[in-house]
Amino acid sequence: MIQAAIVGTGKTSKRYAQHLLKAGQAEIFGIYDDDEVNAQELAAEYGCRAFSSFERLMEALPTGSVLVVAEPEDSDKPSILQALKSGYHVIAGMQGYHLGDIQELLASASSSSGGRLLFANPERFYYHNRDLKKRIEDGAIGSLGMINSKRYCPLIPDDDVGVPIIDGGAALNRLALKEIDLLRWIAGEVDTVYAMRASIRPLDYVLVTLQFRSGVIANLEAYSGYPGAYTSAVEYAGSKGVIRYDNRKTNAFHVHRRADSDVNPGTRGFSPSFRNPEYDNLVHMLDCLDKDKEPAMTVEDAFETMRVVAAASQSLHTGQPVNLFSEGVGNDA
């Protein structure tokens, strides 16, 4: 049984604690948070130890254990590096890192004495994304040529996210990042990036155009602070047809609340499912650690995605397209 310690006590960390208990592949050894009260409260809920010092957690944690850093912050990087160098495994969220951070973590995890580093990416475990990828690979729409996608999200308070907004804004680093990784997974590696942004706090909108090595072109819209409901839609156009997904058209249930309701007023649609991609992703990563298997998304994958995000950020500053190879983005990060 794998021993796991959770870093942080935010909403995502609490969900991962529930996933760990449900999976039955790991025991929660302890909870670490620099807020001792929060750590004790969550530890009491899950029947484990609370730590307000990362050093004390490292001293107590059994060899070969795994740290789950669901809500990474800049201040967590030294702790993660220390854990990897000490032979502990780390499961971390991908958001909140700079390109250089990923490169440094990759170097540490690649050392002979280092633990394994796995990045959580539930997007690749959504059933509709897996189905879209399979249909495209099977030639359902012929040769892929054009992709149009959008990801709109209502404003998320910083306290609910727990990750810093690094250079480029919330739309690029919280929303477009997920879509870029998903499109890389389906369409292959990116060659050139061009990005435009409009931001009037608290609204943030970014349009990213990607040219893939295969010649495929993708236009990606990401909008943080969208006044409507969460929206995720994509259209893949090929030589023989078009395939689309739109979460607004797949919602089986709708909840309507009065405008004066104190709990999420307005209308919310959702599609019930027995599958939880976040849970499936965690089970997969635990299995990879237990059986020494290759994860669905490697650290190298995460690095390549962050190279594209860094290129988009560079394009926002220069107003020019950025070629990832001729300009060597991330080669000396």
C-alpha atoms as a PDB file:
ATOM      1  CA  MET A   1       0.000   0.000   0.000  1.00  0.00           C
ATOM      2  CA  ILE A   2       1.411   3.369  -1.047  1.00  0.00           C
ATOM      3  CA  GLN A   3       1.789   5.972   1.691  1.00  0.00           C
ATOM      4  CA  ALA A   4       0.641   9.408   0.535  1.00  0.00           C
ATOM      5  CA  ALA A   5       0.976  12.889   2.021  1.00  0.00           C
ATOM      6  CA  ILE A   6      -1.145  15.780   0.803  1.00  0.00           C
ATOM      7  CA  VAL A   7       0.378  19.247   0.481  1.00  0.00           C
ATOM      8  CA  GLY A   8      -2.210  21.987   0.983  1.00  0.00           C
ATOM      9  CA  THR A   9      -5.742  22.139   2.341  1.00  0.00           C
ATOM     10  CA  GLY A  10      -7.647  23.878  -0.464  1.00  0.00           C
ATOM     11  CA  LYS A  11     -10.685  22.551  -2.284  1.00  0.00           C
ATOM     12  CA  THR A  12      -8.670  20.574  -4.824  1.00  0.00           C
ATOM     13  CA  SER A  13      -6.536  19.021  -2.078  1.00  0.00           C
ATOM     14  CA  LYS A  14      -9.688  17.922  -0.260  1.00  0.00           C
ATOM     15  CA  ARG A  15     -11.024  16.312  -3.426  1.00  0.00           C
ATOM     16  CA  TYR A  16      -7.757  14.420  -3.885  1.00  0.00           C
ATOM     17  CA  ALA A  17      -7.947  13.211  -0.292  1.00  0.00           C
ATOM     18  CA  GLN A  18     -11.392  11.785  -1.056  1.00  0.00           C
ATOM     19  CA  HIS A  19     -10.085  10.197  -4.262  1.00  0.00           C
ATOM     20  CA  LEU A  20      -7.216   8.550  -2.369  1.00  0.00           C
ATOM     21  CA  LEU A  21      -9.582   6.994   0.155  1.00  0.00           C
ATOM     22  CA  LYS A  22     -11.928   5.787  -2.567  1.00  0.00           C
ATOM     23  CA  ALA A  23      -9.152   4.315  -4.733  1.00  0.00           C
ATOM     24  CA  GLY A  24      -7.929   1.960  -2.018  1.00  0.00           C
ATOM     25  CA  GLN A  25      -4.405   1.984  -3.481  1.00  0.00           C
ATOM     26  CA  ALA A  26      -2.898   4.369  -0.951  1.00  0.00           C
ATOM     27  CA  GLU A  27      -3.152   5.381   2.681  1.00  0.00           C
ATOM     28  CA  ILE A  28      -3.125   9.036   3.674  1.00  0.00           C
ATOM     29  CA  PHE A  29      -0.106   9.334   5.952  1.00  0.00           C
ATOM     30  CA  GLY A  30      -0.376  13.039   6.654  1.00  0.00           C
ATOM     31  CA  ILE A  31      -1.505  16.524   5.650  1.00  0.00           C
ATOM     32  CA  TYR A  32       0.939  19.412   5.342  1.00  0.00           C
ATOM     33  CA  ASP A  33      -0.041  23.080   5.336  1.00  0.00           C
ATOM     34  CA  ASP A  34       1.740  26.101   6.753  1.00  0.00           C
ATOM     35  CA  ASP A  35      -1.591  26.971   8.382  1.00  0.00           C
ATOM     36  CA  GLU A  36      -1.520  24.537  11.299  1.00  0.00           C
ATOM     37  CA  VAL A  37      -5.231  24.886  12.079  1.00  0.00           C
ATOM     38  CA  ASN A  38      -6.247  23.981   8.523  1.00  0.00           C
ATOM     39  CA  ALA A  39      -3.845  21.054   8.497  1.00  0.00           C
ATOM     40  CA  GLN A  40      -5.204  19.715  11.808  1.00  0.00           C
ATOM     41  CA  GLU A  41      -8.822  20.064  10.693  1.00  0.00           C
ATOM     42  CA  LEU A  42      -8.280  18.138   7.455  1.00  0.00           C
ATOM     43  CA  ALA A  43      -6.084  15.546   9.161  1.00  0.00           C
ATOM     44  CA  ALA A  44      -8.783  14.943  11.778  1.00  0.00           C
ATOM     45  CA  GLU A  45     -11.331  14.442   9.016  1.00  0.00           C
ATOM     46  CA  TYR A  46      -9.218  11.751   7.348  1.00  0.00           C
ATOM     47  CA  GLY A  47      -7.690  10.181  10.432  1.00  0.00           C
ATOM     48  CA  CYS A  48      -4.043  11.013   9.730  1.00  0.00           C
ATOM     49  CA  ARG A  49      -1.245  13.229  11.066  1.00  0.00           C
ATOM     50  CA  ALA A  50      -1.020  16.993  10.566  1.00  0.00           C
ATOM     51  CA  PHE A  51       2.231  18.785   9.773  1.00  0.00           C
ATOM     52  CA  SER A  52       2.847  22.529   9.763  1.00  0.00           C
ATOM     53  CA  SER A  53       6.501  22.075   8.761  1.00  0.00           C
ATOM     54  CA  PHE A  54       7.564  20.440   5.511  1.00  0.00           C
ATOM     55  CA  GLU A  55      10.851  19.372   7.097  1.00  0.00           C
ATOM     56  CA  ARG A  56       8.994  17.444   9.821  1.00  0.00           C
ATOM     57  CA  LEU A  57       6.837  15.767   7.192  1.00  0.00           C
ATOM     58  CA  MET A  58       9.967  14.664   5.312  1.00  0.00           C
ATOM     59  CA  GLU A  59      11.487  13.283   8.514  1.00  0.00           C
ATOM     60  CA  ALA A  60       8.385  11.227   9.285  1.00  0.00           C
ATOM     61  CA  LEU A  61       7.316  10.121   5.810  1.00  0.00           C
ATOM     62  CA  PRO A  62       8.306   6.530   4.929  1.00  0.00           C
ATOM     63  CA  THR A  63      10.762   5.997   2.076  1.00  0.00           C
ATOM     64  CA  GLY A  64       9.095   5.600  -1.328  1.00  0.00           C
ATOM     65  CA  SER A  65       5.992   7.545  -0.344  1.00  0.00           C
ATOM     66  CA  VAL A  66       4.215   9.987  -2.646  1.00  0.00           C
ATOM     67  CA  LEU A  67       3.461  13.688  -2.157  1.00  0.00           C
ATOM     68  CA  VAL A  68       0.253  14.937  -3.731  1.00  0.00           C
ATOM     69  CA  VAL A  69       0.586  18.652  -4.560  1.00  0.00           C
ATOM     70  CA  ALA A  70      -2.808  19.342  -6.103  1.00  0.00           C
ATOM     71  CA  GLU A  71      -2.591  23.146  -5.869  1.00  0.00           C
ATOM     72  CA  PRO A  72       1.041  24.073  -6.577  1.00  0.00           C
ATOM     73  CA  GLU A  73       2.363  27.513  -5.707  1.00  0.00           C
ATOM     74  CA  ASP A  74       5.716  29.145  -6.432  1.00  0.00           C
ATOM     75  CA  SER A  75       6.752  28.584  -2.821  1.00  0.00           C
ATOM     76  CA  ASP A  76       6.220  24.817  -3.187  1.00  0.00           C
ATOM     77  CA  LYS A  77       9.000  24.285  -5.753  1.00  0.00           C
ATOM     78  CA  PRO A  78      11.906  24.005  -3.246  1.00  0.00           C
ATOM     79  CA  SER A  79       9.909  21.471  -1.234  1.00  0.00           C
ATOM     80  CA  ILE A  80       9.097  19.431  -4.332  1.00  0.00           C
ATOM     81  CA  LEU A  81      12.742  19.475  -5.410  1.00  0.00           C
ATOM     82  CA  GLN A  82      13.794  18.359  -1.926  1.00  0.00           C
ATOM     83  CA  ALA A  83      11.274  15.521  -1.983  1.00  0.00           C
ATOM     84  CA  LEU A  84      12.376  14.305  -5.425  1.00  0.00           C
ATOM     85  CA  LYS A  85      16.066  14.399  -4.475  1.00  0.00           C
ATOM     86  CA  SER A  86      15.244  12.444  -1.320  1.00  0.00           C
ATOM     87  CA  GLY A  87      13.646   9.676  -3.382  1.00  0.00           C
ATOM     88  CA  TYR A  88       9.986  10.515  -2.770  1.00  0.00           C
ATOM     89  CA  HIS A  89       7.488  10.488  -5.630  1.00  0.00           C
ATOM     90  CA  VAL A  90       5.448  13.603  -6.436  1.00  0.00           C
ATOM     91  CA  ILE A  91       2.054  13.987  -8.093  1.00  0.00           C
ATOM     92  CA  ALA A  92       1.473  17.645  -8.930  1.00  0.00           C
ATOM     93  CA  GLY A  93      -0.966  19.892 -10.747  1.00  0.00           C
ATOM     94  CA  MET A  94       0.526  21.470 -13.883  1.00  0.00           C
ATOM     95  CA  GLN A  95      -0.802  24.985 -13.355  1.00  0.00           C
ATOM     96  CA  GLY A  96       1.184  27.631 -11.550  1.00  0.00           C
ATOM     97  CA  TYR A  97       4.637  26.781 -12.897  1.00  0.00           C
ATOM     98  CA  HIS A  98       6.982  28.744 -15.117  1.00  0.00           C
ATOM     99  CA  LEU A  99       8.750  26.926 -17.937  1.00  0.00           C
ATOM    100  CA  GLY A 100      12.039  27.028 -16.016  1.00  0.00           C
ATOM    101  CA  ASP A 101      10.333  25.411 -13.004  1.00  0.00           C
ATOM    102  CA  ILE A 102       9.225  22.451 -15.121  1.00  0.00           C
ATOM    103  CA  GLN A 103      12.726  22.085 -16.552  1.00  0.00           C
ATOM    104  CA  GLU A 104      14.314  22.127 -13.095  1.00  0.00           C
ATOM    105  CA  LEU A 105      11.825  19.584 -11.764  1.00  0.00           C
ATOM    106  CA  LEU A 106      12.393  17.406 -14.818  1.00  0.00           C
ATOM    107  CA  ALA A 107      16.151  17.459 -14.251  1.00  0.00           C
ATOM    108  CA  SER A 108      15.708  16.477 -10.604  1.00  0.00           C
ATOM    109  CA  ALA A 109      13.275  13.666 -11.391  1.00  0.00           C
ATOM    110  CA  SER A 110      15.632  12.341 -14.094  1.00  0.00           C
ATOM    111  CA  SER A 111      18.532  11.910 -11.664  1.00  0.00           C
ATOM    112  CA  SER A 112      19.364   8.354 -10.634  1.00  0.00           C
ATOM    113  CA  SER A 113      18.526   8.936  -6.976  1.00  0.00           C
ATOM    114  CA  GLY A 114      15.401  11.004  -7.590  1.00  0.00           C
ATOM    115  CA  GLY A 115      11.791  10.014  -7.121  1.00  0.00           C
ATOM    116  CA  ARG A 116       9.276  10.000  -9.972  1.00  0.00           C
ATOM    117  CA  LEU A 117       7.393  13.163 -10.923  1.00  0.00           C
ATOM    118  CA  LEU A 118       3.931  12.860 -12.445  1.00  0.00           C
ATOM    119  CA  PHE A 119       1.710  15.742 -13.505  1.00  0.00           C
ATOM    120  CA  ALA A 120      -2.036  15.447 -13.064  1.00  0.00           C
ATOM    121  CA  ASN A 121      -4.032  16.150 -16.215  1.00  0.00           C
ATOM    122  CA  PRO A 122      -7.685  15.039 -15.987  1.00  0.00           C
ATOM    123  CA  GLU A 123      -8.443  16.466 -19.462  1.00  0.00           C
ATOM    124  CA  ARG A 124      -6.979  13.353 -21.069  1.00  0.00           C
ATOM    125  CA  PHE A 125      -9.330  11.191 -19.003  1.00  0.00           C
ATOM    126  CA  TYR A 126     -12.623  12.773 -20.020  1.00  0.00           C
ATOM    127  CA  TYR A 127     -14.519  10.185 -22.023  1.00  0.00           C
ATOM    128  CA  HIS A 128     -15.511  12.624 -24.787  1.00  0.00           C
ATOM    129  CA  ASN A 129     -11.880  13.705 -25.294  1.00  0.00           C
ATOM    130  CA  ARG A 130     -10.728  10.108 -25.580  1.00  0.00           C
ATOM    131  CA  ASP A 131     -13.582   9.377 -27.998  1.00  0.00           C
ATOM    132  CA  LEU A 132     -12.749  12.414 -30.147  1.00  0.00           C
ATOM    133  CA  LYS A 133      -9.093  11.400 -30.322  1.00  0.00           C
ATOM    134  CA  LYS A 134      -9.942   7.818 -31.305  1.00  0.00           C
ATOM    135  CA  ARG A 135     -12.404   8.870 -34.003  1.00  0.00           C
ATOM    136  CA  ILE A 136      -9.911  11.306 -35.524  1.00  0.00           C
ATOM    137  CA  GLU A 137      -7.123   8.694 -35.447  1.00  0.00           C
ATOM    138  CA  ASP A 138      -9.489   6.162 -37.055  1.00  0.00           C
ATOM    139  CA  GLY A 139     -10.060   8.556 -39.968  1.00  0.00           C
ATOM    140  CA  ALA A 140     -13.680   9.453 -39.238  1.00  0.00           C
ATOM    141  CA  ILE A 141     -13.171  12.957 -40.700  1.00  0.00           C
ATOM    142  CA  GLY A 142     -10.236  12.225 -42.989  1.00  0.00           C
ATOM    143  CA  SER A 143      -7.083  14.305 -42.719  1.00  0.00           C
ATOM    144  CA  LEU A 144      -7.363  16.851 -39.919  1.00  0.00           C
ATOM    145  CA  GLY A 145      -6.993  20.427 -41.164  1.00  0.00           C
ATOM    146  CA  MET A 146      -8.635  22.962 -38.844  1.00  0.00           C
ATOM    147  CA  ILE A 147      -9.568  23.149 -35.166  1.00  0.00           C
ATOM    148  CA  ASN A 148     -11.714  25.785 -33.456  1.00  0.00           C
ATOM    149  CA  SER A 149     -12.074  25.569 -29.687  1.00  0.00           C
ATOM    150  CA  LYS A 150     -13.317  27.718 -26.845  1.00  0.00           C
ATOM    151  CA  ARG A 151     -13.132  27.458 -23.100  1.00  0.00           C
ATOM    152  CA  TYR A 152     -15.099  30.077 -21.152  1.00  0.00           C
ATOM    153  CA  CYS A 153     -15.167  30.099 -17.366  1.00  0.00           C
ATOM    154  CA  PRO A 154     -16.954  32.360 -14.853  1.00  0.00           C
ATOM    155  CA  LEU A 155     -14.650  34.324 -12.607  1.00  0.00           C
ATOM    156  CA  ILE A 156     -12.946  32.084 -10.039  1.00  0.00           C
ATOM    157  CA  PRO A 157     -11.821  33.808  -6.812  1.00  0.00           C
ATOM    158  CA  ASP A 158      -8.109  33.331  -6.166  1.00  0.00           C
ATOM    159  CA  ASP A 159      -8.870  31.665  -2.843  1.00  0.00           C
ATOM    160  CA  ASP A 160     -10.807  28.938  -4.657  1.00  0.00           C
ATOM    161  CA  VAL A 161      -8.025  28.173  -7.100  1.00  0.00           C
ATOM    162  CA  GLY A 162      -4.898  28.186  -5.008  1.00  0.00           C
ATOM    163  CA  VAL A 163      -2.530  28.713  -7.941  1.00  0.00           C
ATOM    164  CA  PRO A 164      -0.774  31.926  -8.900  1.00  0.00           C
ATOM    165  CA  ILE A 165      -1.574  33.664 -12.180  1.00  0.00           C
ATOM    166  CA  ILE A 166       1.831  33.680 -13.839  1.00  0.00           C
ATOM    167  CA  ASP A 167       2.845  35.853 -16.780  1.00  0.00           C
ATOM    168  CA  GLY A 168       0.112  36.022 -19.415  1.00  0.00           C
ATOM    169  CA  GLY A 169      -3.011  36.141 -17.266  1.00  0.00           C
ATOM    170  CA  ALA A 170      -5.713  33.790 -16.053  1.00  0.00           C
ATOM    171  CA  ALA A 171      -7.171  33.019 -19.480  1.00  0.00           C
ATOM    172  CA  LEU A 172      -3.822  31.808 -20.827  1.00  0.00           C
ATOM    173  CA  ASN A 173      -2.432  30.066 -17.737  1.00  0.00           C
ATOM    174  CA  ARG A 174      -5.600  28.561 -16.283  1.00  0.00           C
ATOM    175  CA  LEU A 175      -7.764  27.830 -19.317  1.00  0.00           C
ATOM    176  CA  ALA A 176      -5.783  27.922 -22.569  1.00  0.00           C
ATOM    177  CA  LEU A 177      -3.042  25.807 -20.962  1.00  0.00           C
ATOM    178  CA  LYS A 178      -5.471  22.894 -20.559  1.00  0.00           C
ATOM    179  CA  GLU A 179      -6.725  23.234 -24.131  1.00  0.00           C
ATOM    180  CA  ILE A 180      -3.209  23.534 -25.582  1.00  0.00           C
ATOM    181  CA  ASP A 181      -2.154  20.297 -23.899  1.00  0.00           C
ATOM    182  CA  LEU A 182      -5.312  18.573 -25.136  1.00  0.00           C
ATOM    183  CA  LEU A 183      -4.762  19.760 -28.721  1.00  0.00           C
ATOM    184  CA  ARG A 184      -1.122  18.629 -28.603  1.00  0.00           C
ATOM    185  CA  TRP A 185      -2.341  15.207 -27.498  1.00  0.00           C
ATOM    186  CA  ILE A 186      -4.690  14.994 -30.483  1.00  0.00           C
ATOM    187  CA  ALA A 187      -2.965  16.980 -33.261  1.00  0.00           C
ATOM    188  CA  GLY A 188       0.735  16.576 -32.406  1.00  0.00           C
ATOM    189  CA  GLU A 189       3.522  19.060 -31.805  1.00  0.00           C
ATOM    190  CA  VAL A 190       3.149  22.807 -32.335  1.00  0.00           C
ATOM    191  CA  ASP A 191       5.430  24.753 -34.681  1.00  0.00           C
ATOM    192  CA  THR A 192       4.262  28.394 -34.482  1.00  0.00           C
ATOM    193  CA  VAL A 193       2.201  30.360 -31.952  1.00  0.00           C
ATOM    194  CA  TYR A 194       0.439  33.715 -32.230  1.00  0.00           C
ATOM    195  CA  ALA A 195      -1.611  35.214 -29.405  1.00  0.00           C
ATOM    196  CA  MET A 196      -3.780  38.264 -28.704  1.00  0.00           C
ATOM    197  CA  ARG A 197      -5.258  39.344 -25.394  1.00  0.00           C
ATOM    198  CA  ALA A 198      -7.906  41.719 -24.060  1.00  0.00           C
ATOM    199  CA  SER A 199      -7.992  42.180 -20.287  1.00  0.00           C
ATOM    200  CA  ILE A 200     -10.019  44.536 -18.116  1.00  0.00           C
ATOM    201  CA  ARG A 201      -9.969  43.183 -14.598  1.00  0.00           C
ATOM    202  CA  PRO A 202     -11.608  40.956 -13.592  1.00  0.00           C
ATOM    203  CA  LEU A 203     -12.254  39.885 -17.216  1.00  0.00           C
ATOM    204  CA  ASP A 204      -9.472  38.242 -19.215  1.00  0.00           C
ATOM    205  CA  TYR A 205      -9.719  36.986 -22.804  1.00  0.00           C
ATOM    206  CA  VAL A 206      -7.030  35.449 -24.994  1.00  0.00           C
ATOM    207  CA  LEU A 207      -7.063  34.173 -28.571  1.00  0.00           C
ATOM    208  CA  VAL A 208      -4.255  31.770 -29.463  1.00  0.00           C
ATOM    209  CA  THR A 209      -3.566  30.532 -32.985  1.00  0.00           C
ATOM    210  CA  LEU A 210      -1.432  27.394 -33.276  1.00  0.00           C
ATOM    211  CA  GLN A 211       0.183  25.994 -36.390  1.00  0.00           C
ATOM    212  CA  PHE A 212       1.138  22.364 -35.886  1.00  0.00           C
ATOM    213  CA  ARG A 213       4.058  20.621 -37.586  1.00  0.00           C
ATOM    214  CA  SER A 214       1.506  18.566 -39.530  1.00  0.00           C
ATOM    215  CA  GLY A 215       0.062  21.763 -41.044  1.00  0.00           C
ATOM    216  CA  VAL A 216      -3.083  21.723 -38.911  1.00  0.00           C
ATOM    217  CA  ILE A 217      -4.248  25.175 -37.756  1.00  0.00           C
ATOM    218  CA  ALA A 218      -6.060  25.701 -34.441  1.00  0.00           C
ATOM    219  CA  ASN A 219      -7.806  28.795 -33.128  1.00  0.00           C
ATOM    220  CA  LEU A 220      -8.308  28.697 -29.374  1.00  0.00           C
ATOM    221  CA  GLU A 221     -10.392  31.145 -27.355  1.00  0.00           C
ATOM    222  CA  ALA A 222     -10.089  31.284 -23.563  1.00  0.00           C
ATOM    223  CA  TYR A 223     -12.191  33.632 -21.459  1.00  0.00           C
ATOM    224  CA  SER A 224     -11.870  33.988 -17.683  1.00  0.00           C
ATOM    225  CA  GLY A 225     -14.670  35.988 -16.090  1.00  0.00           C
ATOM    226  CA  TYR A 226     -17.279  34.924 -18.633  1.00  0.00           C
ATOM    227  CA  PRO A 227     -20.724  36.154 -17.458  1.00  0.00           C
ATOM    228  CA  GLY A 228     -22.445  32.910 -18.452  1.00  0.00           C
ATOM    229  CA  ALA A 229     -22.039  29.269 -17.505  1.00  0.00           C
ATOM    230  CA  TYR A 230     -18.838  27.285 -18.012  1.00  0.00           C
ATOM    231  CA  THR A 231     -18.416  26.511 -21.700  1.00  0.00           C
ATOM    232  CA  SER A 232     -16.170  23.993 -23.406  1.00  0.00           C
ATOM    233  CA  ALA A 233     -16.647  23.528 -27.148  1.00  0.00           C
ATOM    234  CA  VAL A 234     -14.450  22.287 -29.983  1.00  0.00           C
ATOM    235  CA  GLU A 235     -14.800  21.623 -33.708  1.00  0.00           C
ATOM    236  CA  TYR A 236     -12.373  19.441 -35.657  1.00  0.00           C
ATOM    237  CA  ALA A 237     -12.618  19.832 -39.441  1.00  0.00           C
ATOM    238  CA  GLY A 238     -11.048  17.311 -41.789  1.00  0.00           C
ATOM    239  CA  SER A 239     -10.983  16.422 -45.470  1.00  0.00           C
ATOM    240  CA  LYS A 240     -14.043  14.166 -45.096  1.00  0.00           C
ATOM    241  CA  GLY A 241     -16.137  15.928 -42.493  1.00  0.00           C
ATOM    242  CA  VAL A 242     -16.443  17.689 -39.161  1.00  0.00           C
ATOM    243  CA  ILE A 243     -16.712  16.411 -35.609  1.00  0.00           C
ATOM    244  CA  ARG A 244     -17.899  18.629 -32.753  1.00  0.00           C
ATOM    245  CA  TYR A 245     -18.282  18.637 -28.987  1.00  0.00           C
ATOM    246  CA  ASP A 246     -20.147  21.265 -26.956  1.00  0.00           C
ATOM    247  CA  ASN A 247     -20.843  20.779 -23.258  1.00  0.00           C
ATOM    248  CA  ARG A 248     -23.886  23.080 -23.524  1.00  0.00           C
ATOM    249  CA  LYS A 249     -25.565  20.557 -25.829  1.00  0.00           C
ATOM    250  CA  THR A 250     -24.765  17.479 -23.781  1.00  0.00           C
ATOM    251  CA  ASN A 251     -26.194  18.607 -20.445  1.00  0.00           C
ATOM    252  CA  ALA A 252     -28.927  16.214 -19.389  1.00  0.00           C
ATOM    253  CA  PHE A 253     -29.944  18.107 -16.266  1.00  0.00           C
ATOM    254  CA  HIS A 254     -30.452  21.800 -15.587  1.00  0.00           C
ATOM    255  CA  VAL A 255     -30.683  23.436 -12.171  1.00  0.00           C
ATOM    256  CA  HIS A 256     -32.533  26.771 -12.034  1.00  0.00           C
ATOM    257  CA  ARG A 257     -32.179  28.989  -8.968  1.00  0.00           C
ATOM    258  CA  ARG A 258     -33.795  32.317  -8.167  1.00  0.00           C
ATOM    259  CA  ALA A 259     -31.781  35.467  -8.749  1.00  0.00           C
ATOM    260  CA  ASP A 260     -31.954  36.213  -5.012  1.00  0.00           C
ATOM    261  CA  SER A 261     -30.644  32.753  -4.085  1.00  0.00           C
ATOM    262  CA  ASP A 262     -27.538  32.833  -1.889  1.00  0.00           C
ATOM    263  CA  VAL A 263     -26.226  29.588  -3.436  1.00  0.00           C
ATOM    264  CA  ASN A 264     -25.074  29.858  -7.067  1.00  0.00           C
ATOM    265  CA  PRO A 265     -28.054  31.838  -8.411  1.00  0.00           C
ATOM    266  CA  GLY A 266     -29.000  31.372 -12.052  1.00  0.00           C
ATOM    267  CA  THR A 267     -29.089  28.320 -14.308  1.00  0.00           C
ATOM    268  CA  ARG A 268     -26.516  25.544 -14.342  1.00  0.00           C
ATOM    269  CA  GLY A 269     -26.511  22.588 -16.684  1.00  0.00           C
ATOM    270  CA  PHE A 270     -24.525  19.421 -16.163  1.00  0.00           C
ATOM    271  CA  SER A 271     -24.245  15.896 -17.430  1.00  0.00           C
ATOM    272  CA  PRO A 272     -24.289  13.191 -14.737  1.00  0.00           C
ATOM    273  CA  SER A 273     -21.647  10.514 -15.052  1.00  0.00           C
ATOM    274  CA  PHE A 274     -20.388   7.567 -13.078  1.00  0.00           C
ATOM    275  CA  ARG A 275     -16.890   8.482 -14.257  1.00  0.00           C
ATOM    276  CA  ASN A 276     -14.794  11.146 -12.586  1.00  0.00           C
ATOM    277  CA  PRO A 277     -11.805  12.060 -14.794  1.00  0.00           C
ATOM    278  CA  GLU A 278      -9.875  13.548 -11.865  1.00  0.00           C
ATOM    279  CA  TYR A 279     -10.306  10.315  -9.912  1.00  0.00           C
ATOM    280  CA  ASP A 280      -9.476   8.167 -12.968  1.00  0.00           C
ATOM    281  CA  ASN A 281      -6.329  10.220 -13.553  1.00  0.00           C
ATOM    282  CA  LEU A 282      -5.177   9.766  -9.938  1.00  0.00           C
ATOM    283  CA  VAL A 283      -5.819   6.008 -10.010  1.00  0.00           C
ATOM    284  CA  HIS A 284      -3.805   5.806 -13.235  1.00  0.00           C
ATOM    285  CA  MET A 285      -0.862   7.685 -11.678  1.00  0.00           C
ATOM    286  CA  LEU A 286      -0.892   5.531  -8.547  1.00  0.00           C
ATOM    287  CA  ASP A 287      -0.894   2.461 -10.770  1.00  0.00           C
ATOM    288  CA  CYS A 288       2.067   3.861 -12.714  1.00  0.00           C
ATOM    289  CA  LEU A 289       3.994   4.338  -9.460  1.00  0.00           C
ATOM    290  CA  ASP A 290       3.056   0.927  -8.115  1.00  0.00           C
ATOM    291  CA  LYS A 291       3.903  -0.968 -11.327  1.00  0.00           C
ATOM    292  CA  ASP A 292       6.580   1.363 -12.718  1.00  0.00           C
ATOM    293  CA  LYS A 293       4.562   2.138 -15.858  1.00  0.00           C
ATOM    294  CA  GLU A 294       4.687   5.123 -18.214  1.00  0.00           C
ATOM    295  CA  PRO A 295       1.980   7.715 -17.425  1.00  0.00           C
ATOM    296  CA  ALA A 296      -0.510   9.017 -19.982  1.00  0.00           C
ATOM    297  CA  MET A 297       1.203  12.401 -19.684  1.00  0.00           C
ATOM    298  CA  THR A 298       4.938  12.472 -19.046  1.00  0.00           C
ATOM    299  CA  VAL A 299       6.915  15.345 -17.551  1.00  0.00           C
ATOM    300  CA  GLU A 300       8.337  15.884 -21.037  1.00  0.00           C
ATOM    301  CA  ASP A 301       4.742  16.316 -22.240  1.00  0.00           C
ATOM    302  CA  ALA A 302       4.142  18.953 -19.591  1.00  0.00           C
ATOM    303  CA  PHE A 303       7.352  20.727 -20.583  1.00  0.00           C
ATOM    304  CA  GLU A 304       6.334  20.840 -24.263  1.00  0.00           C
ATOM    305  CA  THR A 305       2.913  22.225 -23.336  1.00  0.00           C
ATOM    306  CA  MET A 306       4.547  24.894 -21.189  1.00  0.00           C
ATOM    307  CA  ARG A 307       6.852  25.776 -24.090  1.00  0.00           C
ATOM    308  CA  VAL A 308       3.759  26.553 -26.167  1.00  0.00           C
ATOM    309  CA  VAL A 309       2.282  28.622 -23.327  1.00  0.00           C
ATOM    310  CA  ALA A 310       5.592  30.486 -22.966  1.00  0.00           C
ATOM    311  CA  ALA A 311       5.603  31.163 -26.714  1.00  0.00           C
ATOM    312  CA  ALA A 312       2.046  32.504 -26.472  1.00  0.00           C
ATOM    313  CA  SER A 313       3.112  34.791 -23.632  1.00  0.00           C
ATOM    314  CA  GLN A 314       6.069  35.995 -25.715  1.00  0.00           C
ATOM    315  CA  SER A 315       3.744  36.668 -28.639  1.00  0.00           C
ATOM    316  CA  LEU A 316       1.459  38.718 -26.382  1.00  0.00           C
ATOM    317  CA  HIS A 317       4.420  40.941 -25.501  1.00  0.00           C
ATOM    318  CA  THR A 318       5.878  41.313 -28.999  1.00  0.00           C
ATOM    319  CA  GLY A 319       2.716  41.201 -31.095  1.00  0.00           C
ATOM    320  CA  GLN A 320       4.487  38.766 -33.434  1.00  0.00           C
ATOM    321  CA  PRO A 321       4.175  35.034 -34.151  1.00  0.00           C
ATOM    322  CA  VAL A 322       6.708  32.869 -32.325  1.00  0.00           C
ATOM    323  CA  ASN A 323       8.301  29.787 -33.855  1.00  0.00           C
ATOM    324  CA  LEU A 324       9.151  27.323 -31.092  1.00  0.00           C
ATOM    325  CA  PHE A 325      12.137  25.897 -32.951  1.00  0.00           C
ATOM    326  CA  SER A 326      13.777  28.730 -34.865  1.00  0.00           C
ATOM    327  CA  GLU A 327      13.555  30.944 -31.750  1.00  0.00           C
ATOM    328  CA  GLY A 328      14.500  28.145 -29.335  1.00  0.00           C
ATOM    329  CA  VAL A 329      11.729  28.775 -26.802  1.00  0.00           C
ATOM    330  CA  GLY A 330      12.601  27.053 -23.539  1.00  0.00           C
ATOM    331  CA  ASN A 331      15.921  25.620 -24.706  1.00  0.00           C
ATOM    332  CA  ASP A 332      17.764  27.594 -22.026  1.00  0.00           C
ATOM    333  CA  ALA A 333      14.871  28.170 -19.612  1.00  0.00           C
END
